[in-house]
Each structure stands twice: as C-alpha cells, then as structure tokens.
C-alpha cells in the first residue's frame, strides 16, 4: 500500500499546479491558441497535455502548501509570465491588423466592417483579410511550434519560484507598444502615401473643374486605386512577415530571460 505524507502530496501538487498556470495563461492570450474560435475546453486540455509532458523534465519546484498565501503568490507570478509571453506574440499579429486598418481608412473602406470571429470585435474587411492571411502563413511556417518552444525555454531561464518578470522585462513589455504602432505604420505607409497622392490629384481636379462632383467620383476611384495598391504591395508581405516575426520571437526570448 502506498502511503503519502502531507509534504510529499504538497510537493506533487505544486509540481503540477504551478507550471499548469503558466501554460494556461499563455494559451489564454497567445495568437491561434487564444482565439475565441478555440473552445476553453480545448485550451485547458492542451495546457494539461503539455503539462503532463513537461512536468517530469522540470527541476523540483519549491515545497509550498497549495492552499497557503505563498502558493497564491506563486500562482500569480506564473500567470503573469504566461500572459506576458502570449501578449508579446499577440502584438505581432496586431501590428498587421493596425496596418490594415490604416490602409482601409485611407482608401474609403472604413465603413466596410465585419465581426472578427477570432477576437469578437468589429474590424474592417481588409483587416480581417490580413488576419486570416497572417494566421495561415504563421501556421504554415510552424510559428505555433516556435511559440511553444520559447514557452518551454522559459521554464529553464525563469523556473518556478524564481519570481515574475523583473523591472527590465516589465519595461521591455511596456515599451513593445511603441514597436506595435511603428510596425503597423511601416506596413501601411506605402499604401497611405500612394493614396495621399491620389487625393491630392483630386484636389487639383476640383480646383481646375469645380463643376465635377468630386465626392461621387473620388469614392470609387480611391477604392479601386487602394485595392490595386494593396495587391501591388503584397510582394512585400513575406519579407515584412519574416522581419516582424523574428523581432516578436526575440521579444519573447528576452521576456523569458533567454537573451
């Protein structure tokens, strides 16, 4: 008959419980895994599966009573680490969404909105197109496996009980907001600049021929030119994807303490 003492049972529960909360926090907000299209049961089951494979390979966790205040603090730290790593990669996806939103507003497609089933918010059709395209390219290039690899590396550099993000990691995550806006602007800048030239041309036409109804003429022309510019700029999608994804994974590794 197997007998378990209370300290041994607490150690066993902690070895499973604390890594599970880090994994759950990551799967809650990470792209692809954290979409609303993925049921909560699937995300929880995935976290349990990864924990079952990972726990035997981890070093011993601190012996803490799972119901003590110290355990609650450890759970909060693990959740913050998982949420931070998932949020870092979410910024990469939102950079493309922001760039598509800027292009749509400039080409008179801001009114053409739809509900994004992945996030449950209203976005422009162009932003949804970029989201679907980015997700497919991300999965085809095994980006989801690379995310899991960085997540597992975090247990080596930020083991359970070592504390949550330090001041350096927290400031890095907060500063990533400027990277989000800069990346979105760089994605939309060629199309926005070209459409600005088109609008300036309409302004010159209005001055030269005031009898033209510039509103009825400019709306379809701006839309057609905008769609053409988006099509022409798709050749830069993959180079931009490679650059931003490399920066996003570098941010994740920096948060995980790997660099």
Protein backbone atom coordinates (compact mmCIF):
# COMPACT_ATOMS: atom_id res chain seq x y z
CA UNK A 1 0.00 0.00 0.00
CA UNK A 2 1.34 3.39 -1.00
CA UNK A 3 1.34 6.00 1.75
CA UNK A 4 1.79 9.68 1.01
CA UNK A 5 2.72 12.19 3.63
CA UNK A 6 1.32 15.70 3.55
CA UNK A 7 4.62 17.33 2.47
CA UNK A 8 5.05 14.78 -0.33
CA UNK A 9 1.49 15.37 -1.51
CA UNK A 10 2.01 19.15 -1.45
CA UNK A 11 5.21 18.74 -3.45
CA UNK A 12 3.44 16.60 -6.04
CA UNK A 13 0.52 19.03 -6.38
CA UNK A 14 2.87 22.01 -6.67
CA UNK A 15 4.92 20.29 -9.36
CA UNK A 16 1.76 20.05 -11.49
CA UNK A 17 -0.17 23.11 -10.40
CA UNK A 18 2.37 25.91 -10.83
CA UNK A 19 3.56 25.04 -14.38
CA UNK A 20 -0.07 24.48 -15.38
CA UNK A 21 -0.95 28.07 -14.53
CA UNK A 22 1.90 29.42 -16.65
CA UNK A 23 0.79 27.27 -19.57
CA UNK A 24 -2.86 28.25 -19.07
CA UNK A 25 -2.01 31.96 -19.04
CA UNK A 26 -0.07 31.57 -22.27
CA UNK A 27 -2.82 29.64 -24.08
CA UNK A 28 -5.35 32.21 -22.87
CA UNK A 29 -3.90 35.15 -24.84
CA UNK A 30 -1.48 33.67 -27.39
CA UNK A 31 -2.47 34.00 -31.05
CA UNK A 32 -4.02 30.96 -32.70
CA UNK A 33 -4.44 29.19 -29.34
CA UNK A 34 -6.20 32.11 -27.65
CA UNK A 35 -8.77 32.77 -30.39
CA UNK A 36 -12.41 32.69 -29.35
CA UNK A 37 -12.91 30.07 -32.07
CA UNK A 38 -10.92 27.67 -29.88
CA UNK A 39 -13.18 26.44 -27.04
CA UNK A 40 -11.99 26.87 -23.47
CA UNK A 41 -12.07 23.09 -23.01
CA UNK A 42 -9.61 22.64 -25.86
CA UNK A 43 -7.26 25.24 -24.42
CA UNK A 44 -7.44 23.69 -20.96
CA UNK A 45 -6.93 20.23 -22.37
CA UNK A 46 -3.93 21.43 -24.37
CA UNK A 47 -2.44 23.02 -21.25
CA UNK A 48 -2.95 19.77 -19.31
CA UNK A 49 -1.37 17.74 -22.11
CA UNK A 50 1.69 19.98 -22.34
CA UNK A 51 1.99 19.98 -18.54
CA UNK A 52 1.85 16.18 -18.45
CA UNK A 53 4.72 16.01 -20.94
CA UNK A 54 6.71 18.83 -19.36
CA UNK A 55 6.48 18.28 -15.59
CA UNK A 56 8.76 15.19 -15.47
CA UNK A 57 11.50 17.20 -17.19
CA UNK A 58 11.35 20.22 -14.88
CA UNK A 59 13.52 20.75 -11.80
CA UNK A 60 11.93 20.40 -8.40
CA UNK A 61 9.55 23.21 -7.53
CA UNK A 62 9.57 24.89 -4.10
CA UNK A 63 7.78 22.90 -1.42
CA UNK A 64 4.80 25.18 -0.78
CA UNK A 65 1.40 24.32 0.61
CA UNK A 66 -1.01 24.70 -2.38
CA UNK A 67 -3.57 26.42 -0.16
CA UNK A 68 -1.19 28.88 1.52
CA UNK A 69 -0.78 32.59 0.66
CA UNK A 70 2.70 31.82 -0.67
CA UNK A 71 1.15 29.40 -3.17
CA UNK A 72 -1.30 32.09 -4.30
CA UNK A 73 1.65 34.41 -4.90
CA UNK A 74 3.43 31.75 -6.93
CA UNK A 75 0.28 31.14 -8.99
CA UNK A 76 0.00 34.89 -9.72
CA UNK A 77 3.65 35.00 -10.79
CA UNK A 78 3.24 32.02 -13.11
CA UNK A 79 0.10 33.53 -14.63
CA UNK A 80 1.88 36.82 -15.27
CA UNK A 81 4.75 35.07 -17.02
CA UNK A 82 2.41 33.09 -19.26
CA UNK A 83 0.25 36.12 -20.04
CA UNK A 84 3.30 38.25 -20.82
CA UNK A 85 4.77 35.72 -23.24
CA UNK A 86 1.46 35.27 -25.03
CA UNK A 87 0.85 39.02 -25.16
CA UNK A 88 4.26 39.59 -26.75
CA UNK A 89 3.33 37.41 -29.71
CA UNK A 90 -0.16 38.93 -29.84
CA UNK A 91 1.49 42.30 -30.54
CA UNK A 92 2.97 40.79 -33.71
CA UNK A 93 -0.50 39.91 -35.01
CA UNK A 94 -2.00 43.25 -34.01
CA UNK A 95 0.71 45.13 -35.93
CA UNK A 96 -0.66 43.70 -39.19
CA UNK A 97 -4.24 44.42 -38.10
CA UNK A 98 -3.34 48.02 -37.30
CA UNK A 99 -1.61 48.48 -40.66
CA UNK A 100 -4.63 47.07 -42.49
CA UNK A 101 -6.94 49.36 -40.52
CA UNK A 102 -4.91 52.40 -41.54
CA UNK A 103 -4.98 51.37 -45.19
CA UNK A 104 -8.73 50.71 -45.08
CA UNK A 105 -9.44 54.13 -43.56
CA UNK A 106 -7.37 55.85 -46.22
CA UNK A 107 -8.98 54.02 -49.15
CA UNK A 108 -12.57 54.71 -48.02
CA UNK A 109 -13.17 51.18 -46.76
CA UNK A 110 -13.53 52.10 -43.12
CA UNK A 111 -17.29 51.58 -43.30
CA UNK A 112 -16.89 48.01 -44.63
CA UNK A 113 -16.59 46.30 -41.28
CA UNK A 114 -17.39 42.83 -40.02
CA UNK A 115 -17.19 40.95 -36.75
CA UNK A 116 -13.88 39.21 -36.26
CA UNK A 117 -14.84 35.72 -35.01
CA UNK A 118 -11.37 35.20 -33.56
CA UNK A 119 -11.50 38.20 -31.20
CA UNK A 120 -15.19 39.09 -31.12
CA UNK A 121 -14.68 42.72 -32.17
CA UNK A 122 -15.67 44.72 -35.25
CA UNK A 123 -12.84 45.24 -37.75
CA UNK A 124 -12.63 46.30 -41.37
CA UNK A 125 -12.80 43.66 -44.09
CA UNK A 126 -9.23 44.44 -45.11
CA UNK A 127 -8.00 43.88 -41.55
CA UNK A 128 -9.85 40.57 -41.42
CA UNK A 129 -8.26 39.54 -44.72
CA UNK A 130 -4.79 40.30 -43.34
CA UNK A 131 -5.60 38.43 -40.13
CA UNK A 132 -6.64 35.28 -41.98
CA UNK A 133 -3.64 35.50 -44.32
CA UNK A 134 -1.23 36.08 -41.43
CA UNK A 135 -2.67 33.17 -39.45
CA UNK A 136 -2.33 30.77 -42.38
CA UNK A 137 1.25 31.85 -43.10
CA UNK A 138 2.10 31.66 -39.39
CA UNK A 139 0.80 28.09 -39.14
CA UNK A 140 2.41 27.04 -42.43
CA UNK A 141 5.80 28.27 -41.19
CA UNK A 142 5.41 26.37 -37.86
CA UNK A 143 5.18 29.58 -35.88
CA UNK A 144 2.92 27.89 -33.32
CA UNK A 145 5.61 25.31 -32.63
CA UNK A 146 8.22 28.03 -32.26
CA UNK A 147 5.96 29.76 -29.70
CA UNK A 148 5.71 26.56 -27.69
CA UNK A 149 9.48 26.14 -27.86
CA UNK A 150 10.06 29.60 -26.37
CA UNK A 151 7.41 28.90 -23.72
CA UNK A 152 9.17 25.69 -22.69
CA UNK A 153 12.53 27.51 -22.64
CA UNK A 154 11.06 29.95 -20.13
CA UNK A 155 10.96 27.17 -17.52
CA UNK A 156 14.73 26.86 -17.86
CA UNK A 157 15.53 30.56 -17.53
CA UNK A 158 12.58 31.51 -15.29
CA UNK A 159 12.00 28.41 -13.16
CA UNK A 160 9.00 28.19 -10.87
CA UNK A 161 9.61 30.15 -7.68
CA UNK A 162 12.22 32.48 -9.19
CA UNK A 163 9.73 35.36 -9.27
CA UNK A 164 7.76 37.01 -12.03
CA UNK A 165 9.12 39.49 -14.53
CA UNK A 166 11.74 41.80 -13.17
CA UNK A 167 11.81 45.57 -13.82
CA UNK A 168 13.78 45.05 -17.04
CA UNK A 169 11.30 42.56 -18.52
CA UNK A 170 8.31 44.63 -17.41
CA UNK A 171 9.72 47.75 -19.06
CA UNK A 172 10.53 45.78 -22.22
CA UNK A 173 6.94 44.57 -22.46
CA UNK A 174 5.56 48.06 -21.88
CA UNK A 175 7.92 49.54 -24.47
CA UNK A 176 6.74 47.00 -27.04
CA UNK A 177 3.63 49.16 -27.54
CA UNK A 178 5.76 51.67 -29.48
CA UNK A 179 7.04 48.77 -31.62
CA UNK A 180 3.43 47.82 -32.35
CA UNK A 181 2.49 51.29 -33.61
CA UNK A 182 5.74 51.70 -35.55
CA UNK A 183 5.36 48.31 -37.26
CA UNK A 184 1.73 49.00 -38.19
CA UNK A 185 2.66 52.39 -39.61
CA UNK A 186 5.51 50.95 -41.67
CA UNK A 187 3.18 48.32 -43.09
CA UNK A 188 0.60 50.90 -44.13
CA UNK A 189 2.98 53.70 -45.15
CA UNK A 190 3.40 52.77 -48.87
CA UNK A 191 -0.35 52.46 -49.44
CA UNK A 192 -1.17 55.55 -47.38
CA UNK A 193 1.43 57.62 -49.28
CA UNK A 194 0.14 56.46 -52.67
CA UNK A 195 -3.45 57.20 -51.71
CA UNK A 196 -2.40 60.62 -50.45
CA UNK A 197 -1.08 61.38 -53.93
CA UNK A 198 -4.43 60.28 -55.38
CA UNK A 199 -6.30 62.57 -53.00
CA UNK A 200 -4.01 65.46 -53.88
CA UNK A 201 -4.76 64.81 -57.55
CA UNK A 202 -8.48 65.02 -56.78
CA UNK A 203 -7.85 68.32 -55.02
CA UNK A 204 -6.15 69.72 -58.12
CA UNK A 205 -9.04 68.46 -60.28
CA UNK A 206 -11.54 70.20 -58.01
CA UNK A 207 -9.72 73.50 -58.40
CA UNK A 208 -9.42 73.08 -62.17
CA UNK A 209 -13.00 71.88 -62.78
CA UNK A 210 -15.29 72.95 -59.90
CA UNK A 211 -18.35 71.55 -61.71
CA UNK A 212 -17.14 67.97 -61.13
CA UNK A 213 -18.86 66.12 -58.28
CA UNK A 214 -15.67 65.10 -56.58
CA UNK A 215 -17.43 63.12 -53.83
CA UNK A 216 -19.25 60.75 -56.17
CA UNK A 217 -16.17 60.42 -58.38
CA UNK A 218 -13.50 60.22 -55.74
CA UNK A 219 -15.06 57.47 -53.65
CA UNK A 220 -14.96 54.63 -56.23
CA UNK A 221 -11.65 55.80 -57.70
CA UNK A 222 -9.98 55.85 -54.27
CA UNK A 223 -11.32 52.39 -53.54
CA UNK A 224 -10.10 50.93 -56.84
CA UNK A 225 -6.69 52.57 -56.54
CA UNK A 226 -6.46 51.40 -52.93
CA UNK A 227 -7.21 47.79 -53.82
CA UNK A 228 -4.66 47.94 -56.62
CA UNK A 229 -2.03 49.34 -54.26
CA UNK A 230 -2.78 46.64 -51.68
CA UNK A 231 -2.39 43.99 -54.39
CA UNK A 232 0.88 45.54 -55.58
CA UNK A 233 2.24 45.72 -52.02
CA UNK A 234 1.57 42.03 -51.30
CA UNK A 235 5.01 41.19 -52.71
CA UNK A 236 6.43 42.78 -49.53
CA UNK A 237 4.22 40.72 -47.22
CA UNK A 238 6.61 37.82 -46.70
CA UNK A 239 9.75 39.93 -46.11
CA UNK A 240 7.79 42.03 -43.62
CA UNK A 241 6.43 38.86 -42.02
CA UNK A 242 9.93 37.43 -41.60
CA UNK A 243 11.26 40.65 -40.09
CA UNK A 244 8.42 41.24 -37.63
CA UNK A 245 8.15 37.59 -36.59
CA UNK A 246 11.88 37.50 -35.84
CA UNK A 247 11.51 40.63 -33.71
CA UNK A 248 8.47 39.18 -31.91
CA UNK A 249 10.28 35.93 -31.07
CA UNK A 250 13.29 37.93 -29.90
CA UNK A 251 10.94 39.87 -27.61
CA UNK A 252 9.52 36.60 -26.25
CA UNK A 253 13.01 35.23 -25.57
CA UNK A 254 14.02 38.46 -23.89
CA UNK A 255 10.98 38.26 -21.62
CA UNK A 256 11.76 34.62 -20.88
CA UNK A 257 15.31 35.56 -19.89
CA UNK A 258 16.90 33.62 -22.74
CA UNK A 259 18.71 36.67 -24.14
